[in-house]
Structure formats: structure tokens, C-alpha cells
Amino acid sequence: MNAASVVPCDAIWLQFQNYHVMPLNSRLGGRVELERAINRGTPACPDLHRHDFYDVELDHGRAYVHVRDDLRTVYLVAYFGSISSISSLGETVRTVNRERGVD
């Protein structure tokens, strides 16, 4: 299953060499898997409400990330260890958007 089949979007290709992957919460899993994916390149769905935020499908889960090119850093905002967590990912995105005042 790919990102386009789970959530309809105009997927883009994320590929970054020598970027740091930093989880926003030390308890988040998926950092190593995300780092490997962005080094080799992976499709991602842009968040239409937040610039430089993306939903990324990984081999063993999904991640919601924020890319800071100026810092050469990808911030891991949320990680869900299975594809069945897609509804949880959507709720996390909505919660983050509400906290930022974005509808």
C-alpha cells in the first residue's frame, strides 16, 4: 500500500542527504526508519494547511514531519507504527493545526 492509495493527495518526493532527524518527543519511535526513508527518497503528502509539513508512509508505519531546510533538519512530529493508525494520524494533524490556530 502506498501513500497515494491511503490518503488521496498530490504526493511529492522527499529526499534529503545529510539532514538530521529529530523527534519532538524522545519517546517517539520511527526516527531511524524515517532517516533511512528520506536518505533514499520517499513519497510524501504535503499538509495543505501548514508549509513544509508532510505525511510520510514508511515501511512499518506513518510519520508526520516538519522540514527545516535552513537547519538541514527533519522534525518528527508524530509516528504511528502501523498503517491501521491512519485515523489517529488525521486526528494528530487536526490537533496540531488547532494548537497553531490553523483550520
N, C-alpha and C. Protein backbone atom coordinates (compact mmCIF):
# COMPACT_ATOMS: atom_id res chain seq x y z
N MET A 1 0.85 -1.17 0.00
CA MET A 1 0.00 0.00 0.00
C MET A 1 0.89 1.23 0.00
N ASN A 2 0.58 2.22 -0.83
CA ASN A 2 1.40 3.43 -0.85
C ASN A 2 0.60 4.62 -0.34
N ALA A 3 1.29 5.74 -0.12
CA ALA A 3 0.65 6.93 0.46
C ALA A 3 -0.52 7.40 -0.41
N ALA A 4 -0.38 7.33 -1.71
CA ALA A 4 -1.44 7.80 -2.59
C ALA A 4 -2.70 6.95 -2.47
N SER A 5 -2.54 5.66 -2.14
CA SER A 5 -3.71 4.80 -2.04
C SER A 5 -4.40 4.93 -0.70
N VAL A 6 -3.71 5.41 0.32
CA VAL A 6 -4.30 5.55 1.65
C VAL A 6 -5.00 6.89 1.78
N VAL A 7 -4.31 7.95 1.43
CA VAL A 7 -4.86 9.30 1.53
C VAL A 7 -4.65 9.97 0.18
N PRO A 8 -5.74 10.28 -0.52
CA PRO A 8 -5.56 10.93 -1.81
C PRO A 8 -4.85 12.27 -1.64
N CYS A 9 -3.77 12.46 -2.39
CA CYS A 9 -3.04 13.72 -2.33
C CYS A 9 -2.15 13.82 -3.57
N ASP A 10 -1.63 15.00 -3.78
CA ASP A 10 -0.63 15.18 -4.82
C ASP A 10 0.72 14.96 -4.17
N ALA A 11 1.15 13.70 -4.17
CA ALA A 11 2.39 13.33 -3.48
C ALA A 11 3.59 13.99 -4.14
N ILE A 12 4.56 14.31 -3.30
CA ILE A 12 5.84 14.83 -3.77
C ILE A 12 6.91 13.84 -3.34
N TRP A 13 8.12 14.03 -3.81
CA TRP A 13 9.23 13.15 -3.48
C TRP A 13 10.13 13.88 -2.47
N LEU A 14 10.26 13.31 -1.27
CA LEU A 14 11.17 13.87 -0.27
C LEU A 14 12.46 13.07 -0.28
N GLN A 15 13.55 13.74 -0.48
CA GLN A 15 14.86 13.08 -0.42
C GLN A 15 15.87 14.11 0.06
N PHE A 16 16.50 13.81 1.19
CA PHE A 16 17.47 14.71 1.78
C PHE A 16 18.70 13.93 2.21
N GLN A 17 19.84 14.40 1.82
CA GLN A 17 21.11 13.81 2.24
C GLN A 17 21.68 14.69 3.35
N ASN A 18 22.22 14.08 4.37
CA ASN A 18 22.88 14.79 5.47
C ASN A 18 21.96 15.73 6.23
N TYR A 19 20.70 15.36 6.37
CA TYR A 19 19.77 16.09 7.23
C TYR A 19 19.66 15.33 8.55
N HIS A 20 19.54 16.05 9.63
CA HIS A 20 19.31 15.43 10.94
C HIS A 20 17.83 15.13 11.08
N VAL A 21 17.49 14.01 11.69
CA VAL A 21 16.11 13.70 12.01
C VAL A 21 15.98 13.81 13.52
N MET A 22 15.12 14.72 13.95
CA MET A 22 14.96 15.00 15.37
C MET A 22 13.51 14.76 15.78
N PRO A 23 13.27 13.79 16.68
CA PRO A 23 11.90 13.63 17.19
C PRO A 23 11.58 14.77 18.15
N LEU A 24 10.37 15.29 18.08
CA LEU A 24 9.96 16.35 19.01
C LEU A 24 9.71 15.81 20.41
N ASN A 25 9.51 14.51 20.50
CA ASN A 25 9.32 13.85 21.78
C ASN A 25 10.27 12.66 21.81
N SER A 26 11.08 12.56 22.85
CA SER A 26 12.08 11.49 22.91
C SER A 26 11.46 10.09 22.93
N ARG A 27 10.18 9.98 23.22
CA ARG A 27 9.51 8.67 23.25
C ARG A 27 8.98 8.23 21.89
N LEU A 28 9.06 9.10 20.90
CA LEU A 28 8.58 8.73 19.56
C LEU A 28 9.49 7.70 18.93
N GLY A 29 8.89 6.67 18.37
CA GLY A 29 9.65 5.71 17.60
C GLY A 29 9.75 6.17 16.16
N GLY A 30 10.42 5.40 15.34
CA GLY A 30 10.43 5.67 13.92
C GLY A 30 11.52 6.57 13.40
N ARG A 31 12.39 7.10 14.27
CA ARG A 31 13.42 8.03 13.83
C ARG A 31 14.35 7.38 12.81
N VAL A 32 14.83 6.19 13.13
CA VAL A 32 15.78 5.51 12.23
C VAL A 32 15.11 5.16 10.91
N GLU A 33 13.89 4.66 10.98
CA GLU A 33 13.15 4.31 9.75
C GLU A 33 12.92 5.55 8.89
N LEU A 34 12.56 6.67 9.50
CA LEU A 34 12.35 7.91 8.77
C LEU A 34 13.66 8.40 8.15
N GLU A 35 14.74 8.33 8.89
CA GLU A 35 16.04 8.77 8.39
C GLU A 35 16.44 7.97 7.15
N ARG A 36 16.25 6.67 7.21
CA ARG A 36 16.57 5.82 6.04
C ARG A 36 15.69 6.19 4.84
N ALA A 37 14.41 6.42 5.11
CA ALA A 37 13.48 6.74 4.01
C ALA A 37 13.83 8.06 3.34
N ILE A 38 14.15 9.08 4.11
CA ILE A 38 14.45 10.37 3.48
C ILE A 38 15.81 10.37 2.81
N ASN A 39 16.72 9.51 3.24
CA ASN A 39 18.01 9.40 2.56
C ASN A 39 17.86 8.75 1.19
N ARG A 40 17.01 7.74 1.09
CA ARG A 40 16.83 7.05 -0.20
C ARG A 40 15.76 7.72 -1.05
N GLY A 41 14.89 8.50 -0.41
CA GLY A 41 13.79 9.16 -1.10
C GLY A 41 12.49 8.42 -0.84
N THR A 42 11.43 9.18 -0.63
CA THR A 42 10.14 8.58 -0.32
C THR A 42 9.02 9.54 -0.72
N PRO A 43 7.87 8.99 -1.15
CA PRO A 43 6.74 9.87 -1.43
C PRO A 43 6.18 10.44 -0.14
N ALA A 44 5.65 11.65 -0.22
CA ALA A 44 5.06 12.31 0.94
C ALA A 44 3.88 13.16 0.50
N CYS A 45 2.90 13.27 1.36
CA CYS A 45 1.73 14.11 1.10
C CYS A 45 1.90 15.42 1.87
N PRO A 46 1.96 16.54 1.17
CA PRO A 46 2.09 17.82 1.86
C PRO A 46 0.82 18.14 2.67
N ASP A 47 1.01 18.75 3.82
CA ASP A 47 -0.10 19.25 4.61
C ASP A 47 -0.54 20.55 3.93
N LEU A 48 -1.76 20.60 3.47
CA LEU A 48 -2.24 21.75 2.72
C LEU A 48 -2.44 23.00 3.58
N HIS A 49 -2.40 22.83 4.90
CA HIS A 49 -2.61 23.94 5.81
C HIS A 49 -1.34 24.45 6.46
N ARG A 50 -0.25 23.70 6.34
CA ARG A 50 0.99 24.07 7.02
C ARG A 50 2.17 23.88 6.07
N HIS A 51 2.90 24.94 5.85
CA HIS A 51 4.04 24.94 4.95
C HIS A 51 5.16 24.05 5.50
N ASP A 52 5.71 23.19 4.66
CA ASP A 52 6.83 22.31 4.99
C ASP A 52 6.49 21.22 6.01
N PHE A 53 5.22 20.83 6.10
CA PHE A 53 4.79 19.69 6.90
C PHE A 53 4.29 18.62 5.95
N TYR A 54 4.60 17.35 6.27
CA TYR A 54 4.27 16.26 5.36
C TYR A 54 3.84 15.02 6.13
N ASP A 55 2.99 14.24 5.49
CA ASP A 55 2.59 12.92 5.95
C ASP A 55 3.39 11.92 5.11
N VAL A 56 4.17 11.09 5.77
CA VAL A 56 5.07 10.16 5.08
C VAL A 56 4.72 8.73 5.46
N GLU A 57 4.47 7.90 4.46
CA GLU A 57 4.26 6.48 4.72
C GLU A 57 5.61 5.79 4.74
N LEU A 58 5.86 5.04 5.80
CA LEU A 58 7.12 4.31 5.95
C LEU A 58 6.84 2.82 5.83
N ASP A 59 7.89 2.01 5.82
CA ASP A 59 7.71 0.56 5.70
C ASP A 59 6.89 -0.03 6.85
N HIS A 60 7.07 0.50 8.06
CA HIS A 60 6.41 -0.07 9.23
C HIS A 60 5.51 0.92 9.95
N GLY A 61 5.08 1.96 9.27
CA GLY A 61 4.20 2.93 9.91
C GLY A 61 4.07 4.20 9.10
N ARG A 62 3.65 5.26 9.78
CA ARG A 62 3.45 6.56 9.16
C ARG A 62 4.08 7.61 10.05
N ALA A 63 4.52 8.69 9.42
CA ALA A 63 5.12 9.79 10.18
C ALA A 63 4.55 11.11 9.69
N TYR A 64 4.44 12.05 10.61
CA TYR A 64 4.08 13.43 10.28
C TYR A 64 5.31 14.25 10.62
N VAL A 65 5.84 14.96 9.62
CA VAL A 65 7.14 15.62 9.79
C VAL A 65 7.08 17.09 9.37
N HIS A 66 8.05 17.83 9.89
CA HIS A 66 8.26 19.23 9.50
C HIS A 66 9.69 19.35 9.01
N VAL A 67 9.87 19.88 7.81
CA VAL A 67 11.20 20.01 7.21
C VAL A 67 11.68 21.45 7.35
N ARG A 68 12.87 21.60 7.92
CA ARG A 68 13.51 22.92 8.03
C ARG A 68 14.79 22.88 7.21
N ASP A 69 14.69 23.34 5.96
CA ASP A 69 15.86 23.35 5.08
C ASP A 69 16.97 24.23 5.62
N ASP A 70 16.61 25.36 6.24
CA ASP A 70 17.63 26.27 6.75
C ASP A 70 18.47 25.64 7.85
N LEU A 71 17.90 24.66 8.58
CA LEU A 71 18.63 23.97 9.65
C LEU A 71 19.08 22.57 9.23
N ARG A 72 18.73 22.18 7.99
CA ARG A 72 19.03 20.83 7.50
C ARG A 72 18.52 19.78 8.49
N THR A 73 17.27 19.98 8.90
CA THR A 73 16.66 19.13 9.92
C THR A 73 15.25 18.74 9.51
N VAL A 74 14.91 17.48 9.77
CA VAL A 74 13.53 16.99 9.63
C VAL A 74 13.06 16.67 11.04
N TYR A 75 12.02 17.38 11.47
CA TYR A 75 11.45 17.15 12.80
C TYR A 75 10.36 16.10 12.71
N LEU A 76 10.49 15.06 13.49
CA LEU A 76 9.48 14.02 13.57
C LEU A 76 8.44 14.47 14.59
N VAL A 77 7.27 14.85 14.11
CA VAL A 77 6.20 15.38 14.95
C VAL A 77 5.37 14.26 15.55
N ALA A 78 5.02 13.27 14.72
CA ALA A 78 4.21 12.14 15.16
C ALA A 78 4.61 10.90 14.38
N TYR A 79 4.53 9.75 15.05
CA TYR A 79 4.84 8.47 14.40
C TYR A 79 3.81 7.45 14.85
N PHE A 80 3.30 6.70 13.88
CA PHE A 80 2.35 5.65 14.15
C PHE A 80 2.89 4.37 13.55
N GLY A 81 3.02 3.34 14.37
CA GLY A 81 3.71 2.12 13.99
C GLY A 81 2.97 1.18 13.07
N SER A 82 1.79 1.51 12.62
CA SER A 82 1.10 0.64 11.68
C SER A 82 0.19 1.46 10.79
N ILE A 83 -0.09 0.94 9.62
CA ILE A 83 -0.95 1.62 8.65
C ILE A 83 -2.36 1.78 9.22
N SER A 84 -2.77 0.90 10.10
CA SER A 84 -4.12 1.00 10.65
C SER A 84 -4.32 2.25 11.49
N SER A 85 -3.27 2.99 11.76
CA SER A 85 -3.37 4.19 12.58
C SER A 85 -3.67 5.44 11.78
N ILE A 86 -4.11 5.31 10.54
CA ILE A 86 -4.34 6.48 9.69
C ILE A 86 -5.33 7.44 10.32
N SER A 87 -6.37 6.96 10.98
CA SER A 87 -7.33 7.87 11.60
C SER A 87 -6.68 8.61 12.76
N SER A 88 -5.78 7.97 13.49
CA SER A 88 -5.06 8.64 14.56
C SER A 88 -4.16 9.72 14.01
N LEU A 89 -3.54 9.47 12.87
CA LEU A 89 -2.68 10.47 12.26
C LEU A 89 -3.49 11.69 11.88
N GLY A 90 -4.65 11.48 11.30
CA GLY A 90 -5.50 12.60 10.94
C GLY A 90 -5.89 13.41 12.16
N GLU A 91 -6.19 12.76 13.26
CA GLU A 91 -6.55 13.47 14.49
C GLU A 91 -5.36 14.24 15.03
N THR A 92 -4.16 13.68 14.95
CA THR A 92 -2.97 14.39 15.40
C THR A 92 -2.74 15.63 14.57
N VAL A 93 -2.90 15.52 13.26
CA VAL A 93 -2.73 16.68 12.38
C VAL A 93 -3.75 17.75 12.74
N ARG A 94 -5.00 17.36 12.96
CA ARG A 94 -6.02 18.34 13.34
C ARG A 94 -5.69 19.00 14.67
N THR A 95 -5.20 18.22 15.64
CA THR A 95 -4.84 18.78 16.94
C THR A 95 -3.69 19.76 16.82
N VAL A 96 -2.66 19.39 16.07
CA VAL A 96 -1.52 20.29 15.87
C VAL A 96 -1.98 21.56 15.18
N ASN A 97 -2.82 21.44 14.17
CA ASN A 97 -3.33 22.61 13.46
C ASN A 97 -4.15 23.51 14.38
N ARG A 98 -4.99 22.92 15.24
CA ARG A 98 -5.78 23.72 16.18
C ARG A 98 -4.86 24.48 17.13
N GLU A 99 -3.81 23.83 17.63
CA GLU A 99 -2.88 24.47 18.55
C GLU A 99 -2.17 25.64 17.87
N ARG A 100 -1.95 25.54 16.58
CA ARG A 100 -1.28 26.59 15.83
C ARG A 100 -2.26 27.64 15.31
N GLY A 101 -3.57 27.42 15.54
CA GLY A 101 -4.56 28.37 15.07
C GLY A 101 -4.86 28.27 13.60
N VAL A 102 -4.59 27.09 13.01
CA VAL A 102 -4.85 26.86 11.59
C VAL A 102 -6.06 25.96 11.48
N ASP A 103 -7.02 26.33 10.65
CA ASP A 103 -8.21 25.48 10.45
C ASP A 103 -8.07 24.67 9.21
